[in-house]
Amino acid sequence: MTPRSPLCLSAMFPPATMSRPSATPRAVALLAVAVGVCAAVRCGSATVAAEPVPAADQQAANPADMIVGDWRPSDMPDVDIRIFPANGKYVGGVVKSANPAMVNTEMLREIEYVPASRTWKGEIFAIKRGMFVPMTIRLTSGGFEMVAGSGILSKTIEWVRLGGAASSGAGQSR
């Protein structure tokens, strides 16, 4: 398989931003490959390839994993974001963009599944504000709906899953 868009985790998560001091960019990259969420991971000059796990298999294993995969937010039609597990939570980074400077940028972080409400809570980087803001994700029939920010400064954004019918939301509920 030819890698879709390599994801350089060392650029997305420099050692200063990792939640565990012992987690090196190489270790995080190898973890991403081991769980099969990346087509390819670059670390320095090395590229490690892996086949992505089909979305249906991910969803069957753990309901929290239903957000794992490649997504496109409706307010940024030229940007693809990959969400994957890392250190017991979920994170997301830009894997494709019309603006090359955005590729490998961390956009979502600290995402945790809340089983009681069937939602995910975490933070998203608000480009216009230049900072991370709280967000909540709720699955919909077409993908997921994200409410970013809080109060009068909140914004609702629809996201669609990329990659075909195999990942079109089996087992989703609202």
N, C-alpha and C. Protein backbone atom coordinates (compact mmCIF):
# COMPACT_ATOMS: atom_id res chain seq x y z
N MET A 1 0.84 -1.18 0.00
CA MET A 1 0.00 0.00 0.00
C MET A 1 0.88 1.24 0.00
N THR A 2 0.55 2.21 -0.80
CA THR A 2 1.27 3.47 -0.82
C THR A 2 0.72 4.35 0.29
N PRO A 3 1.57 4.92 1.15
CA PRO A 3 1.08 5.77 2.23
C PRO A 3 0.30 6.95 1.68
N ARG A 4 -0.81 7.26 2.37
CA ARG A 4 -1.63 8.40 1.97
C ARG A 4 -0.90 9.70 2.27
N SER A 5 -0.89 10.11 3.48
CA SER A 5 -0.17 11.32 3.88
C SER A 5 0.65 10.99 5.11
N PRO A 6 1.97 11.02 5.01
CA PRO A 6 2.78 10.72 6.19
C PRO A 6 2.50 11.71 7.31
N LEU A 7 2.48 11.22 8.51
CA LEU A 7 2.21 12.05 9.67
C LEU A 7 3.46 12.07 10.51
N CYS A 8 4.09 13.20 10.65
CA CYS A 8 5.31 13.30 11.41
C CYS A 8 4.97 13.65 12.85
N LEU A 9 4.92 12.63 13.70
CA LEU A 9 4.55 12.86 15.09
C LEU A 9 5.61 13.65 15.83
N SER A 10 6.86 13.54 15.41
CA SER A 10 7.89 14.30 16.10
C SER A 10 7.69 15.79 15.89
N ALA A 11 7.11 16.18 14.76
CA ALA A 11 6.81 17.60 14.53
C ALA A 11 5.54 18.00 15.28
N MET A 12 4.56 17.07 15.33
CA MET A 12 3.30 17.40 16.01
C MET A 12 3.46 17.46 17.51
N PHE A 13 4.26 16.57 18.08
CA PHE A 13 4.38 16.46 19.52
C PHE A 13 5.84 16.50 19.95
N PRO A 14 6.45 17.69 19.94
CA PRO A 14 7.82 17.77 20.41
C PRO A 14 7.90 17.33 21.87
N PRO A 15 9.06 16.85 22.31
CA PRO A 15 9.18 16.32 23.67
C PRO A 15 8.64 17.25 24.75
N ALA A 16 8.72 18.55 24.58
CA ALA A 16 8.25 19.48 25.60
C ALA A 16 6.74 19.42 25.78
N THR A 17 5.98 18.96 24.77
CA THR A 17 4.53 18.94 24.89
C THR A 17 3.96 17.58 25.20
N MET A 18 4.81 16.55 25.29
CA MET A 18 4.32 15.21 25.57
C MET A 18 3.95 15.10 27.04
N SER A 19 2.92 14.28 27.32
CA SER A 19 2.44 14.19 28.68
C SER A 19 3.37 13.38 29.59
N ARG A 20 4.22 12.53 29.01
CA ARG A 20 5.17 11.77 29.82
C ARG A 20 6.58 12.15 29.38
N PRO A 21 7.44 12.54 30.32
CA PRO A 21 8.79 12.92 29.94
C PRO A 21 9.55 11.80 29.26
N SER A 22 9.24 10.52 29.57
CA SER A 22 9.97 9.41 28.99
C SER A 22 9.51 9.09 27.57
N ALA A 23 8.40 9.66 27.11
CA ALA A 23 7.88 9.37 25.77
C ALA A 23 8.63 10.20 24.74
N THR A 24 9.44 9.53 23.94
CA THR A 24 10.17 10.23 22.89
C THR A 24 9.32 10.26 21.63
N PRO A 25 9.60 11.18 20.70
CA PRO A 25 8.84 11.18 19.44
C PRO A 25 8.90 9.83 18.75
N ARG A 26 10.03 9.15 18.79
CA ARG A 26 10.17 7.84 18.16
C ARG A 26 9.24 6.83 18.82
N ALA A 27 9.16 6.84 20.16
CA ALA A 27 8.28 5.91 20.88
C ALA A 27 6.82 6.18 20.54
N VAL A 28 6.42 7.43 20.47
CA VAL A 28 5.05 7.77 20.11
C VAL A 28 4.76 7.32 18.68
N ALA A 29 5.72 7.52 17.78
CA ALA A 29 5.53 7.10 16.39
C ALA A 29 5.37 5.60 16.30
N LEU A 30 6.19 4.85 17.03
CA LEU A 30 6.09 3.39 17.00
C LEU A 30 4.77 2.92 17.58
N LEU A 31 4.25 3.60 18.61
CA LEU A 31 2.96 3.27 19.17
C LEU A 31 1.87 3.50 18.13
N ALA A 32 1.93 4.60 17.41
CA ALA A 32 0.92 4.88 16.39
C ALA A 32 0.93 3.81 15.31
N VAL A 33 2.12 3.36 14.93
CA VAL A 33 2.22 2.31 13.93
C VAL A 33 1.70 1.00 14.51
N ALA A 34 2.02 0.71 15.76
CA ALA A 34 1.60 -0.55 16.38
C ALA A 34 0.09 -0.66 16.45
N VAL A 35 -0.62 0.44 16.74
CA VAL A 35 -2.07 0.37 16.80
C VAL A 35 -2.70 0.53 15.43
N GLY A 36 -1.87 0.80 14.40
CA GLY A 36 -2.34 0.78 13.04
C GLY A 36 -3.18 1.97 12.62
N VAL A 37 -2.99 3.12 13.21
CA VAL A 37 -3.81 4.26 12.83
C VAL A 37 -3.16 5.12 11.77
N CYS A 38 -1.94 4.82 11.40
CA CYS A 38 -1.24 5.64 10.42
C CYS A 38 -0.84 4.78 9.23
N ALA A 39 -0.86 5.39 8.06
CA ALA A 39 -0.35 4.71 6.88
C ALA A 39 1.17 4.77 6.88
N ALA A 40 1.73 5.88 7.37
CA ALA A 40 3.18 6.01 7.47
C ALA A 40 3.49 7.07 8.51
N VAL A 41 4.59 6.87 9.20
CA VAL A 41 5.01 7.80 10.22
C VAL A 41 6.46 8.15 9.95
N ARG A 42 6.78 9.44 9.89
CA ARG A 42 8.16 9.87 9.71
C ARG A 42 8.73 10.29 11.04
N CYS A 43 9.92 9.83 11.31
CA CYS A 43 10.66 10.27 12.49
C CYS A 43 12.07 10.57 12.06
N GLY A 44 12.39 11.84 11.99
CA GLY A 44 13.69 12.22 11.48
C GLY A 44 13.79 11.81 10.03
N SER A 45 14.79 11.00 9.70
CA SER A 45 14.95 10.58 8.32
C SER A 45 14.30 9.23 8.04
N ALA A 46 13.82 8.53 9.09
CA ALA A 46 13.23 7.20 8.90
C ALA A 46 11.73 7.31 8.68
N THR A 47 11.19 6.46 7.83
CA THR A 47 9.75 6.35 7.63
C THR A 47 9.35 4.92 7.96
N VAL A 48 8.36 4.78 8.84
CA VAL A 48 7.86 3.47 9.24
C VAL A 48 6.47 3.34 8.66
N ALA A 49 6.20 2.30 7.87
CA ALA A 49 4.91 2.13 7.22
C ALA A 49 4.07 1.09 7.94
N ALA A 50 2.75 1.27 7.89
CA ALA A 50 1.82 0.30 8.45
C ALA A 50 0.49 0.42 7.73
N GLU A 51 -0.23 -0.67 7.68
CA GLU A 51 -1.56 -0.65 7.09
C GLU A 51 -2.52 -0.10 8.14
N PRO A 52 -3.39 0.84 7.78
CA PRO A 52 -4.36 1.33 8.76
C PRO A 52 -5.39 0.25 9.09
N VAL A 53 -5.87 0.25 10.32
CA VAL A 53 -6.90 -0.69 10.75
C VAL A 53 -8.23 -0.21 10.18
N PRO A 54 -9.00 -1.09 9.53
CA PRO A 54 -10.30 -0.66 9.01
C PRO A 54 -11.17 -0.09 10.11
N ALA A 55 -11.91 0.97 9.79
CA ALA A 55 -12.74 1.67 10.78
C ALA A 55 -13.74 0.73 11.44
N ALA A 56 -14.30 -0.21 10.70
CA ALA A 56 -15.28 -1.13 11.28
C ALA A 56 -14.64 -1.96 12.40
N ASP A 57 -13.38 -2.40 12.22
CA ASP A 57 -12.68 -3.15 13.25
C ASP A 57 -12.41 -2.29 14.47
N GLN A 58 -12.04 -1.03 14.26
CA GLN A 58 -11.78 -0.12 15.37
C GLN A 58 -13.05 0.10 16.18
N GLN A 59 -14.17 0.30 15.48
CA GLN A 59 -15.43 0.60 16.16
C GLN A 59 -15.91 -0.58 16.98
N ALA A 60 -15.69 -1.80 16.48
CA ALA A 60 -16.15 -2.98 17.20
C ALA A 60 -15.36 -3.18 18.48
N ALA A 61 -14.08 -2.81 18.49
CA ALA A 61 -13.22 -3.03 19.63
C ALA A 61 -13.57 -2.14 20.82
N ASN A 62 -13.90 -0.88 20.57
CA ASN A 62 -14.12 0.08 21.65
C ASN A 62 -14.96 1.23 21.12
N PRO A 63 -16.11 1.53 21.72
CA PRO A 63 -16.94 2.63 21.21
C PRO A 63 -16.21 3.97 21.20
N ALA A 64 -15.27 4.15 22.09
CA ALA A 64 -14.52 5.41 22.13
C ALA A 64 -13.69 5.61 20.86
N ASP A 65 -13.32 4.50 20.20
CA ASP A 65 -12.50 4.57 19.00
C ASP A 65 -13.28 4.99 17.76
N MET A 66 -14.57 5.23 17.88
CA MET A 66 -15.36 5.60 16.71
C MET A 66 -14.93 6.93 16.10
N ILE A 67 -14.15 7.73 16.81
CA ILE A 67 -13.66 8.98 16.22
C ILE A 67 -12.30 8.82 15.56
N VAL A 68 -11.69 7.64 15.69
CA VAL A 68 -10.38 7.40 15.10
C VAL A 68 -10.51 7.36 13.58
N GLY A 69 -9.65 8.10 12.90
CA GLY A 69 -9.65 8.11 11.45
C GLY A 69 -9.37 9.49 10.89
N ASP A 70 -9.61 9.63 9.59
CA ASP A 70 -9.38 10.90 8.90
C ASP A 70 -10.69 11.64 8.72
N TRP A 71 -10.68 12.93 9.02
CA TRP A 71 -11.89 13.76 9.05
C TRP A 71 -11.64 15.08 8.34
N ARG A 72 -12.73 15.71 7.91
CA ARG A 72 -12.66 17.05 7.32
C ARG A 72 -13.72 17.93 7.97
N PRO A 73 -13.28 19.04 8.62
CA PRO A 73 -14.24 19.97 9.21
C PRO A 73 -14.88 20.83 8.12
N SER A 74 -16.18 21.12 8.28
CA SER A 74 -16.91 21.88 7.25
C SER A 74 -16.40 23.31 7.10
N ASP A 75 -15.80 23.85 8.14
CA ASP A 75 -15.31 25.24 8.05
C ASP A 75 -13.89 25.33 7.48
N MET A 76 -13.27 24.19 7.19
CA MET A 76 -11.92 24.15 6.61
C MET A 76 -11.89 23.08 5.53
N PRO A 77 -12.54 23.31 4.38
CA PRO A 77 -12.68 22.26 3.37
C PRO A 77 -11.38 21.79 2.71
N ASP A 78 -10.30 22.51 2.91
CA ASP A 78 -9.02 22.10 2.31
C ASP A 78 -8.08 21.45 3.32
N VAL A 79 -8.63 21.04 4.49
CA VAL A 79 -7.81 20.47 5.56
C VAL A 79 -8.35 19.09 5.94
N ASP A 80 -7.47 18.10 6.03
CA ASP A 80 -7.80 16.76 6.53
C ASP A 80 -7.09 16.57 7.86
N ILE A 81 -7.82 16.08 8.85
CA ILE A 81 -7.27 15.89 10.19
C ILE A 81 -7.40 14.43 10.57
N ARG A 82 -6.31 13.84 11.05
CA ARG A 82 -6.30 12.45 11.50
C ARG A 82 -6.40 12.43 13.02
N ILE A 83 -7.40 11.70 13.54
CA ILE A 83 -7.57 11.51 14.98
C ILE A 83 -7.12 10.10 15.31
N PHE A 84 -6.30 9.98 16.37
CA PHE A 84 -5.77 8.67 16.76
C PHE A 84 -5.52 8.65 18.26
N PRO A 85 -5.46 7.43 18.85
CA PRO A 85 -5.19 7.32 20.29
C PRO A 85 -3.72 7.60 20.59
N ALA A 86 -3.49 8.25 21.74
CA ALA A 86 -2.13 8.51 22.21
C ALA A 86 -2.16 8.71 23.72
N ASN A 87 -1.37 7.93 24.42
CA ASN A 87 -1.26 8.05 25.88
C ASN A 87 -2.61 7.95 26.58
N GLY A 88 -3.49 7.06 26.13
CA GLY A 88 -4.76 6.83 26.79
C GLY A 88 -5.86 7.83 26.43
N LYS A 89 -5.55 8.79 25.58
CA LYS A 89 -6.53 9.78 25.13
C LYS A 89 -6.49 9.80 23.62
N TYR A 90 -7.11 10.79 23.01
CA TYR A 90 -7.08 10.93 21.55
C TYR A 90 -6.53 12.30 21.20
N VAL A 91 -5.83 12.36 20.08
CA VAL A 91 -5.27 13.61 19.58
C VAL A 91 -5.54 13.66 18.08
N GLY A 92 -5.38 14.83 17.49
CA GLY A 92 -5.59 14.96 16.06
C GLY A 92 -4.64 15.98 15.47
N GLY A 93 -4.14 15.66 14.28
CA GLY A 93 -3.22 16.55 13.60
C GLY A 93 -3.55 16.66 12.13
N VAL A 94 -3.11 17.74 11.52
CA VAL A 94 -3.35 17.99 10.10
C VAL A 94 -2.45 17.07 9.28
N VAL A 95 -3.05 16.30 8.37
CA VAL A 95 -2.29 15.42 7.48
C VAL A 95 -2.31 15.91 6.05
N LYS A 96 -3.23 16.83 5.73
CA LYS A 96 -3.30 17.38 4.37
C LYS A 96 -3.90 18.77 4.47
N SER A 97 -3.30 19.71 3.72
CA SER A 97 -3.80 21.08 3.72
C SER A 97 -3.29 21.81 2.49
N ALA A 98 -4.08 22.76 2.00
CA ALA A 98 -3.64 23.62 0.90
C ALA A 98 -2.49 24.51 1.37
N ASN A 99 -2.42 24.76 2.68
CA ASN A 99 -1.36 25.54 3.28
C ASN A 99 -0.33 24.57 3.87
N PRO A 100 0.81 24.36 3.19
CA PRO A 100 1.80 23.39 3.67
C PRO A 100 2.28 23.65 5.09
N ALA A 101 2.23 24.88 5.56
CA ALA A 101 2.68 25.19 6.91
C ALA A 101 1.78 24.55 7.98
N MET A 102 0.55 24.19 7.61
CA MET A 102 -0.37 23.57 8.58
C MET A 102 -0.15 22.07 8.75
N VAL A 103 0.46 21.42 7.76
CA VAL A 103 0.66 19.97 7.82
C VAL A 103 1.52 19.64 9.04
N ASN A 104 1.13 18.61 9.77
CA ASN A 104 1.77 18.14 11.01
C ASN A 104 1.48 19.04 12.21
N THR A 105 0.51 19.92 12.09
CA THR A 105 0.13 20.78 13.20
C THR A 105 -0.88 20.06 14.09
N GLU A 106 -0.66 20.09 15.39
CA GLU A 106 -1.60 19.51 16.34
C GLU A 106 -2.83 20.42 16.41
N MET A 107 -4.00 19.86 16.12
CA MET A 107 -5.25 20.64 16.15
C MET A 107 -6.18 20.21 17.28
N LEU A 108 -6.14 18.94 17.66
CA LEU A 108 -7.00 18.41 18.72
C LEU A 108 -6.11 17.75 19.76
N ARG A 109 -6.48 17.91 21.03
CA ARG A 109 -5.67 17.27 22.07
C ARG A 109 -6.54 16.95 23.29
N GLU A 110 -5.99 16.06 24.13
CA GLU A 110 -6.61 15.72 25.41
C GLU A 110 -8.06 15.25 25.27
N ILE A 111 -8.38 14.53 24.18
CA ILE A 111 -9.76 14.10 23.95
C ILE A 111 -10.02 12.82 24.74
N GLU A 112 -11.10 12.83 25.51
CA GLU A 112 -11.50 11.67 26.31
C GLU A 112 -12.96 11.35 26.04
N TYR A 113 -13.28 10.06 25.98
CA TYR A 113 -14.65 9.61 25.76
C TYR A 113 -15.41 9.65 27.07
N VAL A 114 -16.67 10.13 27.01
CA VAL A 114 -17.55 10.19 28.18
C VAL A 114 -18.70 9.22 27.91
N PRO A 115 -18.62 7.98 28.40
CA PRO A 115 -19.62 6.96 28.07
C PRO A 115 -21.06 7.35 28.43
N ALA A 116 -21.26 8.00 29.56
CA ALA A 116 -22.62 8.35 30.00
C ALA A 116 -23.35 9.22 28.99
N SER A 117 -22.63 10.12 28.33
CA SER A 117 -23.27 11.03 27.36
C SER A 117 -22.94 10.66 25.92
N ARG A 118 -22.11 9.62 25.73
CA ARG A 118 -21.66 9.20 24.39
C ARG A 118 -21.06 10.37 23.62
N THR A 119 -20.24 11.13 24.32
CA THR A 119 -19.55 12.27 23.71
C THR A 119 -18.07 12.17 24.03
N TRP A 120 -17.29 13.01 23.37
CA TRP A 120 -15.86 13.14 23.63
C TRP A 120 -15.62 14.58 24.02
N LYS A 121 -14.77 14.81 24.99
CA LYS A 121 -14.42 16.15 25.42
C LYS A 121 -12.91 16.32 25.34
N GLY A 122 -12.49 17.50 24.92
CA GLY A 122 -11.07 17.79 24.81
C GLY A 122 -10.88 19.23 24.41
N GLU A 123 -9.83 19.48 23.62
CA GLU A 123 -9.52 20.85 23.19
C GLU A 123 -9.20 20.87 21.71
N ILE A 124 -9.55 21.97 21.06
CA ILE A 124 -9.22 22.20 19.66
C ILE A 124 -8.50 23.53 19.56
N PHE A 125 -7.56 23.60 18.63
CA PHE A 125 -6.84 24.85 18.44
C PHE A 125 -7.70 25.79 17.60
N ALA A 126 -8.05 26.93 18.17
CA ALA A 126 -8.84 27.95 17.47
C ALA A 126 -7.85 28.88 16.76
N ILE A 127 -7.78 28.75 15.44
CA ILE A 127 -6.78 29.48 14.67
C ILE A 127 -6.92 30.99 14.84
N LYS A 128 -8.15 31.49 14.76
CA LYS A 128 -8.36 32.94 14.86
C LYS A 128 -8.01 33.48 16.25
N ARG A 129 -8.17 32.65 17.28
CA ARG A 129 -7.85 33.09 18.64
C ARG A 129 -6.41 32.75 19.03
N GLY A 130 -5.78 31.86 18.27
CA GLY A 130 -4.39 31.50 18.56
C GLY A 130 -4.20 30.71 19.84
N MET A 131 -5.21 29.93 20.23
CA MET A 131 -5.12 29.17 21.48
C MET A 131 -6.05 27.96 21.43
N PHE A 132 -5.81 27.01 22.33
CA PHE A 132 -6.69 25.86 22.45
C PHE A 132 -7.92 26.26 23.26
N VAL A 133 -9.09 25.78 22.81
CA VAL A 133 -10.35 26.04 23.51
C VAL A 133 -11.04 24.70 23.76
N PRO A 134 -11.92 24.64 24.77
CA PRO A 134 -12.62 23.38 25.04
C PRO A 134 -13.56 23.02 23.90
N MET A 135 -13.78 21.73 23.71
CA MET A 135 -14.71 21.28 22.68
C MET A 135 -15.36 19.98 23.11
N THR A 136 -16.54 19.71 22.51
CA THR A 136 -17.28 18.48 22.73
C THR A 136 -17.66 17.91 21.37
N ILE A 137 -17.53 16.61 21.21
CA ILE A 137 -17.87 15.93 19.97
C ILE A 137 -19.04 15.00 20.23
N ARG A 138 -20.03 15.02 19.31
CA ARG A 138 -21.16 14.11 19.36
C ARG A 138 -21.33 13.52 17.96
N LEU A 139 -21.41 12.18 17.86
CA LEU A 139 -21.58 11.53 16.56
C LEU A 139 -22.93 11.89 15.95
N THR A 140 -22.95 12.00 14.63
CA THR A 140 -24.17 12.23 13.86
C THR A 140 -24.23 11.19 12.75
N SER A 141 -25.31 11.16 12.00
CA SER A 141 -25.43 10.19 10.91
C SER A 141 -24.42 10.47 9.81
N GLY A 142 -23.99 11.74 9.65
CA GLY A 142 -23.04 12.08 8.60
C GLY A 142 -21.61 12.20 9.05
N GLY A 143 -21.31 12.02 10.32
CA GLY A 143 -19.96 12.17 10.83
C GLY A 143 -20.01 12.52 12.30
N PHE A 144 -19.55 13.74 12.64
CA PHE A 144 -19.74 14.21 14.00
C PHE A 144 -19.91 15.72 14.03
N GLU A 145 -20.52 16.17 15.12
CA GLU A 145 -20.74 17.59 15.34
C GLU A 145 -19.84 18.00 16.51
N MET A 146 -19.10 19.07 16.31
CA MET A 146 -18.22 19.56 17.36
C MET A 146 -18.69 20.94 17.80
N VAL A 147 -18.81 21.12 19.10
CA VAL A 147 -19.08 22.44 19.65
C VAL A 147 -17.77 22.89 20.28
N ALA A 148 -17.19 23.94 19.72
CA ALA A 148 -15.90 24.46 20.18
C ALA A 148 -16.11 25.77 20.91
N GLY A 149 -15.38 25.98 21.99
CA GLY A 149 -15.51 27.19 22.77
C GLY A 149 -16.61 27.01 23.81
N SER A 150 -17.00 28.12 24.42
CA SER A 150 -18.05 28.06 25.43
C SER A 150 -18.85 29.36 25.42
N GLY A 151 -20.10 29.24 25.85
CA GLY A 151 -20.97 30.41 25.94
C GLY A 151 -21.19 31.09 24.61
N ILE A 152 -21.16 32.43 24.63
CA ILE A 152 -21.42 33.18 23.40
C ILE A 152 -20.26 33.08 22.41
N LEU A 153 -19.12 32.56 22.87
CA LEU A 153 -17.97 32.40 21.98
C LEU A 153 -17.89 30.99 21.40
N SER A 154 -18.98 30.20 21.52
CA SER A 154 -18.94 28.84 20.99
C SER A 154 -19.32 28.81 19.52
N LYS A 155 -18.88 27.74 18.84
CA LYS A 155 -19.14 27.55 17.42
C LYS A 155 -19.39 26.07 17.19
N THR A 156 -20.43 25.74 16.41
CA THR A 156 -20.72 24.35 16.07
C THR A 156 -20.21 24.07 14.67
N ILE A 157 -19.45 22.98 14.54
CA ILE A 157 -18.82 22.62 13.26
C ILE A 157 -19.15 21.18 12.94
N GLU A 158 -19.63 20.93 11.73
CA GLU A 158 -19.87 19.56 11.25
C GLU A 158 -18.58 19.01 10.66
N TRP A 159 -18.28 17.75 10.95
CA TRP A 159 -17.11 17.07 10.41
C TRP A 159 -17.59 15.84 9.65
N VAL A 160 -16.95 15.51 8.53
CA VAL A 160 -17.28 14.30 7.77
C VAL A 160 -16.06 13.38 7.74
N ARG A 161 -16.35 12.08 7.81
CA ARG A 161 -15.28 11.09 7.76
C ARG A 161 -14.81 10.93 6.33
N LEU A 162 -13.52 10.82 6.15
CA LEU A 162 -12.94 10.60 4.83
C LEU A 162 -12.62 9.12 4.67
N GLY A 163 -12.60 8.64 3.45
CA GLY A 163 -12.12 7.29 3.22
C GLY A 163 -13.13 6.25 2.83
N GLY A 164 -14.34 6.60 2.46
CA GLY A 164 -15.24 5.63 1.88
C GLY A 164 -16.31 5.09 2.80
N ALA A 165 -17.09 4.16 2.24
CA ALA A 165 -18.29 3.64 2.90
C ALA A 165 -17.99 2.72 4.07
N ALA A 166 -16.82 2.12 4.11
CA ALA A 166 -16.49 1.19 5.20
C ALA A 166 -16.50 1.86 6.55
N SER A 167 -16.34 3.17 6.57
CA SER A 167 -16.29 3.88 7.84
C SER A 167 -17.47 4.82 8.00
N SER A 168 -18.59 4.49 7.40
CA SER A 168 -19.72 5.42 7.39
C SER A 168 -20.63 5.30 8.59
N GLY A 169 -20.07 5.01 9.76
CA GLY A 169 -20.81 5.18 10.99
C GLY A 169 -21.62 3.99 11.48
N ALA A 170 -21.17 2.79 11.30
CA ALA A 170 -21.88 1.66 11.84
C ALA A 170 -21.91 1.75 13.36
N GLY A 171 -23.07 1.53 13.92
CA GLY A 171 -23.19 1.52 15.37
C GLY A 171 -23.25 2.88 16.02
N GLN A 172 -23.48 3.93 15.26
CA GLN A 172 -23.54 5.26 15.87
C GLN A 172 -24.90 5.49 16.49
N SER A 173 -24.93 6.26 17.54
CA SER A 173 -26.19 6.67 18.13
C SER A 173 -26.05 8.11 18.58
N ARG A 174 -27.15 8.75 18.71
CA ARG A 174 -27.14 10.15 19.07
C ARG A 174 -27.53 10.41 20.46
